[in-house]
Amino acid sequence: MSEIRHLITALQRQCPPRFALILAWSVWWRTHQADARAYH
């Protein structure tokens, strides 16, 4: 588990904050869409 956390931290340091925000939003959106499809 700590390896995954280390990898995420390394990626966050390499990525500009704007890119990290877009990536996080994209993951949230896909999850939200999958949940919406499951309930409709």
PDB file of N, CA and C in Angstrom:
ATOM      1  N   MET A   1       0.824  -1.195   0.000  1.00  0.00           N
ATOM      2  CA  MET A   1       0.000   0.000   0.000  1.00  0.00           C
ATOM      3  C   MET A   1       0.863   1.252   0.000  1.00  0.00           C
ATOM      4  N   SER A   2       1.936   1.231   0.763  1.00  0.00           N
ATOM      5  CA  SER A   2       2.809   2.402   0.811  1.00  0.00           C
ATOM      6  C   SER A   2       3.475   2.645  -0.540  1.00  0.00           C
ATOM      7  N   GLU A   3       3.675   1.580  -1.319  1.00  0.00           N
ATOM      8  CA  GLU A   3       4.263   1.748  -2.655  1.00  0.00           C
ATOM      9  C   GLU A   3       3.328   2.551  -3.552  1.00  0.00           C
ATOM     10  N   ILE A   4       2.027   2.265  -3.451  1.00  0.00           N
ATOM     11  CA  ILE A   4       1.048   2.998  -4.257  1.00  0.00           C
ATOM     12  C   ILE A   4       1.034   4.465  -3.848  1.00  0.00           C
ATOM     13  N   ARG A   5       1.059   4.711  -2.541  1.00  0.00           N
ATOM     14  CA  ARG A   5       1.070   6.091  -2.051  1.00  0.00           C
ATOM     15  C   ARG A   5       2.318   6.822  -2.537  1.00  0.00           C
ATOM     16  N   HIS A   6       3.443   6.129  -2.515  1.00  0.00           N
ATOM     17  CA  HIS A   6       4.703   6.711  -2.980  1.00  0.00           C
ATOM     18  C   HIS A   6       4.618   7.052  -4.468  1.00  0.00           C
ATOM     19  N   LEU A   7       4.026   6.151  -5.248  1.00  0.00           N
ATOM     20  CA  LEU A   7       3.877   6.375  -6.685  1.00  0.00           C
ATOM     21  C   LEU A   7       2.982   7.579  -6.956  1.00  0.00           C
ATOM     22  N   ILE A   8       1.864   7.666  -6.239  1.00  0.00           N
ATOM     23  CA  ILE A   8       0.948   8.801  -6.417  1.00  0.00           C
ATOM     24  C   ILE A   8       1.648  10.105  -6.062  1.00  0.00           C
ATOM     25  N   THR A   9       2.390  10.106  -4.970  1.00  0.00           N
ATOM     26  CA  THR A   9       3.116  11.310  -4.563  1.00  0.00           C
ATOM     27  C   THR A   9       4.136  11.710  -5.622  1.00  0.00           C
ATOM     28  N   ALA A  10       4.843  10.742  -6.173  1.00  0.00           N
ATOM     29  CA  ALA A  10       5.833  11.027  -7.214  1.00  0.00           C
ATOM     30  C   ALA A  10       5.162  11.612  -8.448  1.00  0.00           C
ATOM     31  N   LEU A  11       4.014  11.061  -8.833  1.00  0.00           N
ATOM     32  CA  LEU A  11       3.296  11.582  -9.999  1.00  0.00           C
ATOM     33  C   LEU A  11       2.800  13.000  -9.749  1.00  0.00           C
ATOM     34  N   GLN A  12       2.327  13.272  -8.537  1.00  0.00           N
ATOM     35  CA  GLN A  12       1.838  14.609  -8.215  1.00  0.00           C
ATOM     36  C   GLN A  12       2.965  15.630  -8.280  1.00  0.00           C
ATOM     37  N   ARG A  13       4.151  15.233  -7.882  1.00  0.00           N
ATOM     38  CA  ARG A  13       5.286  16.156  -7.933  1.00  0.00           C
ATOM     39  C   ARG A  13       5.698  16.446  -9.369  1.00  0.00           C
ATOM     40  N   GLN A  14       5.555  15.462 -10.254  1.00  0.00           N
ATOM     41  CA  GLN A  14       5.971  15.636 -11.641  1.00  0.00           C
ATOM     42  C   GLN A  14       4.926  16.383 -12.458  1.00  0.00           C
ATOM     43  N   CYS A  15       3.650  16.186 -12.123  1.00  0.00           N
ATOM     44  CA  CYS A  15       2.575  16.802 -12.897  1.00  0.00           C
ATOM     45  C   CYS A  15       2.311  18.218 -12.405  1.00  0.00           C
ATOM     46  N   PRO A  16       2.041  19.125 -13.329  1.00  0.00           N
ATOM     47  CA  PRO A  16       1.610  20.456 -12.906  1.00  0.00           C
ATOM     48  C   PRO A  16       0.288  20.345 -12.153  1.00  0.00           C
ATOM     49  N   PRO A  17       0.028  21.230 -11.200  1.00  0.00           N
ATOM     50  CA  PRO A  17      -1.206  21.149 -10.410  1.00  0.00           C
ATOM     51  C   PRO A  17      -2.463  21.129 -11.279  1.00  0.00           C
ATOM     52  N   ARG A  18      -2.457  21.896 -12.370  1.00  0.00           N
ATOM     53  CA  ARG A  18      -3.636  21.943 -13.241  1.00  0.00           C
ATOM     54  C   ARG A  18      -3.909  20.575 -13.860  1.00  0.00           C
ATOM     55  N   PHE A  19      -2.868  19.896 -14.295  1.00  0.00           N
ATOM     56  CA  PHE A  19      -3.032  18.575 -14.887  1.00  0.00           C
ATOM     57  C   PHE A  19      -3.543  17.579 -13.850  1.00  0.00           C
ATOM     58  N   ALA A  20      -3.012  17.656 -12.638  1.00  0.00           N
ATOM     59  CA  ALA A  20      -3.451  16.757 -11.567  1.00  0.00           C
ATOM     60  C   ALA A  20      -4.929  16.982 -11.257  1.00  0.00           C
ATOM     61  N   LEU A  21      -5.362  18.241 -11.289  1.00  0.00           N
ATOM     62  CA  LEU A  21      -6.766  18.559 -11.033  1.00  0.00           C
ATOM     63  C   LEU A  21      -7.661  17.980 -12.122  1.00  0.00           C
ATOM     64  N   ILE A  22      -7.250  18.144 -13.381  1.00  0.00           N
ATOM     65  CA  ILE A  22      -8.021  17.599 -14.507  1.00  0.00           C
ATOM     66  C   ILE A  22      -8.096  16.078 -14.405  1.00  0.00           C
ATOM     67  N   LEU A  23      -6.987  15.456 -14.059  1.00  0.00           N
ATOM     68  CA  LEU A  23      -6.953  14.000 -13.925  1.00  0.00           C
ATOM     69  C   LEU A  23      -7.895  13.535 -12.813  1.00  0.00           C
ATOM     70  N   ALA A  24      -7.849  14.211 -11.671  1.00  0.00           N
ATOM     71  CA  ALA A  24      -8.727  13.852 -10.553  1.00  0.00           C
ATOM     72  C   ALA A  24     -10.190  14.042 -10.934  1.00  0.00           C
ATOM     73  N   TRP A  25     -10.503  15.137 -11.632  1.00  0.00           N
ATOM     74  CA  TRP A  25     -11.881  15.389 -12.062  1.00  0.00           C
ATOM     75  C   TRP A  25     -12.338  14.306 -13.030  1.00  0.00           C
ATOM     76  N   SER A  26     -11.454  13.907 -13.929  1.00  0.00           N
ATOM     77  CA  SER A  26     -11.784  12.882 -14.911  1.00  0.00           C
ATOM     78  C   SER A  26     -12.117  11.554 -14.225  1.00  0.00           C
ATOM     79  N   VAL A  27     -11.335  11.183 -13.234  1.00  0.00           N
ATOM     80  CA  VAL A  27     -11.590   9.943 -12.494  1.00  0.00           C
ATOM     81  C   VAL A  27     -12.929  10.047 -11.768  1.00  0.00           C
ATOM     82  N   TRP A  28     -13.178  11.209 -11.123  1.00  0.00           N
ATOM     83  CA  TRP A  28     -14.453  11.393 -10.424  1.00  0.00           C
ATOM     84  C   TRP A  28     -15.613  11.296 -11.405  1.00  0.00           C
ATOM     85  N   TRP A  29     -15.503  11.936 -12.552  1.00  0.00           N
ATOM     86  CA  TRP A  29     -16.588  11.949 -13.536  1.00  0.00           C
ATOM     87  C   TRP A  29     -16.914  10.536 -14.027  1.00  0.00           C
ATOM     88  N   ARG A  30     -15.880   9.758 -14.330  1.00  0.00           N
ATOM     89  CA  ARG A  30     -16.110   8.386 -14.789  1.00  0.00           C
ATOM     90  C   ARG A  30     -16.806   7.556 -13.719  1.00  0.00           C
ATOM     91  N   THR A  31     -16.388   7.720 -12.476  1.00  0.00           N
ATOM     92  CA  THR A  31     -17.012   6.999 -11.364  1.00  0.00           C
ATOM     93  C   THR A  31     -18.473   7.410 -11.221  1.00  0.00           C
ATOM     94  N   HIS A  32     -18.720   8.702 -11.297  1.00  0.00           N
ATOM     95  CA  HIS A  32     -20.082   9.224 -11.188  1.00  0.00           C
ATOM     96  C   HIS A  32     -20.964   8.676 -12.310  1.00  0.00           C
ATOM     97  N   GLN A  33     -20.447   8.659 -13.528  1.00  0.00           N
ATOM     98  CA  GLN A  33     -21.214   8.157 -14.671  1.00  0.00           C
ATOM     99  C   GLN A  33     -21.521   6.668 -14.510  1.00  0.00           C
ATOM    100  N   ALA A  34     -20.560   5.907 -14.026  1.00  0.00           N
ATOM    101  CA  ALA A  34     -20.774   4.472 -13.813  1.00  0.00           C
ATOM    102  C   ALA A  34     -21.855   4.256 -12.753  1.00  0.00           C
ATOM    103  N   ASP A  35     -21.822   5.051 -11.685  1.00  0.00           N
ATOM    104  CA  ASP A  35     -22.854   4.949 -10.646  1.00  0.00           C
ATOM    105  C   ASP A  35     -24.217   5.320 -11.206  1.00  0.00           C
ATOM    106  N   ALA A  36     -24.274   6.384 -11.992  1.00  0.00           N
ATOM    107  CA  ALA A  36     -25.543   6.832 -12.569  1.00  0.00           C
ATOM    108  C   ALA A  36     -26.134   5.751 -13.478  1.00  0.00           C
ATOM    109  N   ARG A  37     -25.287   5.132 -14.288  1.00  0.00           N
ATOM    110  CA  ARG A  37     -25.768   4.061 -15.173  1.00  0.00           C
ATOM    111  C   ARG A  37     -26.292   2.873 -14.359  1.00  0.00           C
ATOM    112  N   ALA A  38     -25.648   2.595 -13.248  1.00  0.00           N
ATOM    113  CA  ALA A  38     -26.056   1.461 -12.420  1.00  0.00           C
ATOM    114  C   ALA A  38     -27.435   1.687 -11.800  1.00  0.00           C
ATOM    115  N   TYR A  39     -27.778   2.936 -11.528  1.00  0.00           N
ATOM    116  CA  TYR A  39     -29.041   3.236 -10.854  1.00  0.00           C
ATOM    117  C   TYR A  39     -30.173   3.603 -11.800  1.00  0.00           C
ATOM    118  N   HIS A  40     -29.885   3.775 -13.096  1.00  0.00           N
ATOM    119  CA  HIS A  40     -30.953   4.180 -14.029  1.00  0.00           C
ATOM    120  C   HIS A  40     -31.280   3.086 -15.012  1.00  0.00           C
TER     121      HIS A  40
END
